[in-house]
Amino acid sequence: MLMGLAPDWRGKGLGRSLLNKALELAQQSGALDVVLAVDDVNLPAKRLYQQAGFVRYAQQHLLAWKGGGARDEALR
């Protein structure tokens, strides 16, 4: 699942609501763990995930063709 908000919708608690609903659905489906990836520079998302109880346990250096360059991704 991909999750994101357009800039005009940020800071209104919608990301938290989306994350909470996703975690609720995961739990209802029997998921024992949830793993996510976030760009290392996306501080608001990282803060949201930390507040929700996610902890950083690995880091990957991924290559993406979106104008080029390596992207750091932090995983729960």
Protein backbone atom coordinates (compact mmCIF):
# COMPACT_ATOMS: atom_id res chain seq x y z
CA MET A 1 0.00 0.00 0.00
CA LEU A 2 1.23 3.50 -0.79
CA MET A 3 0.14 6.40 1.35
CA GLY A 4 0.70 10.10 0.91
CA LEU A 5 -1.03 13.44 1.12
CA ALA A 6 -1.02 16.41 -1.22
CA PRO A 7 0.67 19.44 0.35
CA ASP A 8 -2.63 21.31 0.88
CA TRP A 9 -3.96 18.44 3.01
CA ARG A 10 -0.92 18.03 5.27
CA GLY A 11 -0.97 19.10 8.91
CA LYS A 12 -4.67 18.35 9.40
CA GLY A 13 -4.38 14.94 11.07
CA LEU A 14 -5.35 13.05 7.92
CA GLY A 15 -2.08 11.12 7.74
CA ARG A 16 -2.59 9.92 11.30
CA SER A 17 -6.17 8.89 10.48
CA LEU A 18 -5.05 7.00 7.37
CA LEU A 19 -2.27 5.25 9.27
CA ASN A 20 -4.56 4.31 12.15
CA LYS A 21 -7.14 2.86 9.74
CA ALA A 22 -4.45 0.92 7.85
CA LEU A 23 -3.13 -0.52 11.13
CA GLU A 24 -6.67 -1.40 12.22
CA LEU A 25 -7.32 -3.23 8.94
CA ALA A 26 -3.97 -5.02 9.20
CA GLN A 27 -4.82 -6.20 12.71
CA GLN A 28 -8.30 -7.33 11.65
CA SER A 29 -6.77 -9.35 8.81
CA GLY A 30 -4.50 -11.17 11.26
CA ALA A 31 -1.25 -9.36 10.50
CA LEU A 32 1.29 -9.74 13.27
CA ASP A 33 3.74 -7.14 11.96
CA VAL A 34 3.64 -4.09 9.73
CA VAL A 35 6.76 -2.97 7.89
CA LEU A 36 7.00 0.34 6.10
CA ALA A 37 9.50 2.34 4.10
CA VAL A 38 9.94 6.10 4.12
CA ASP A 39 12.41 8.46 2.48
CA ASP A 40 15.03 9.42 5.04
CA VAL A 41 14.42 13.12 4.34
CA ASN A 42 10.64 12.87 4.94
CA LEU A 43 10.78 14.09 8.53
CA PRO A 44 7.02 14.65 9.01
CA ALA A 45 6.25 11.06 7.95
CA LYS A 46 9.06 9.66 10.09
CA ARG A 47 7.71 11.63 13.08
CA LEU A 48 4.20 10.28 12.44
CA TYR A 49 5.43 6.69 12.27
CA GLN A 50 7.53 7.08 15.43
CA GLN A 51 4.54 8.55 17.29
CA ALA A 52 2.51 5.52 16.16
CA GLY A 53 5.08 3.19 17.75
CA PHE A 54 7.20 2.25 14.74
CA VAL A 55 10.92 1.87 15.36
CA ARG A 56 13.75 2.02 12.86
CA TYR A 57 15.42 -1.34 12.43
CA ALA A 58 17.11 -1.22 9.03
CA GLN A 59 18.23 1.18 6.35
CA GLN A 60 18.50 0.49 2.64
CA HIS A 61 20.15 2.41 -0.14
CA LEU A 62 17.89 2.03 -3.15
CA LEU A 63 18.39 3.21 -6.69
CA ALA A 64 15.42 4.85 -8.35
CA TRP A 65 14.97 6.32 -11.79
CA LYS A 66 13.01 9.45 -10.93
CA GLY A 67 15.50 11.97 -12.20
CA GLY A 68 18.31 9.71 -11.01
CA GLY A 69 20.20 9.30 -7.76
CA ALA A 70 20.17 7.01 -4.77
CA ARG A 71 17.41 7.31 -2.21
CA ASP A 72 17.82 6.33 1.45
CA GLU A 73 14.84 4.45 2.77
CA ALA A 74 14.33 3.77 6.46
CA LEU A 75 12.26 0.73 7.34
CA ARG A 76 10.30 -0.10 10.43
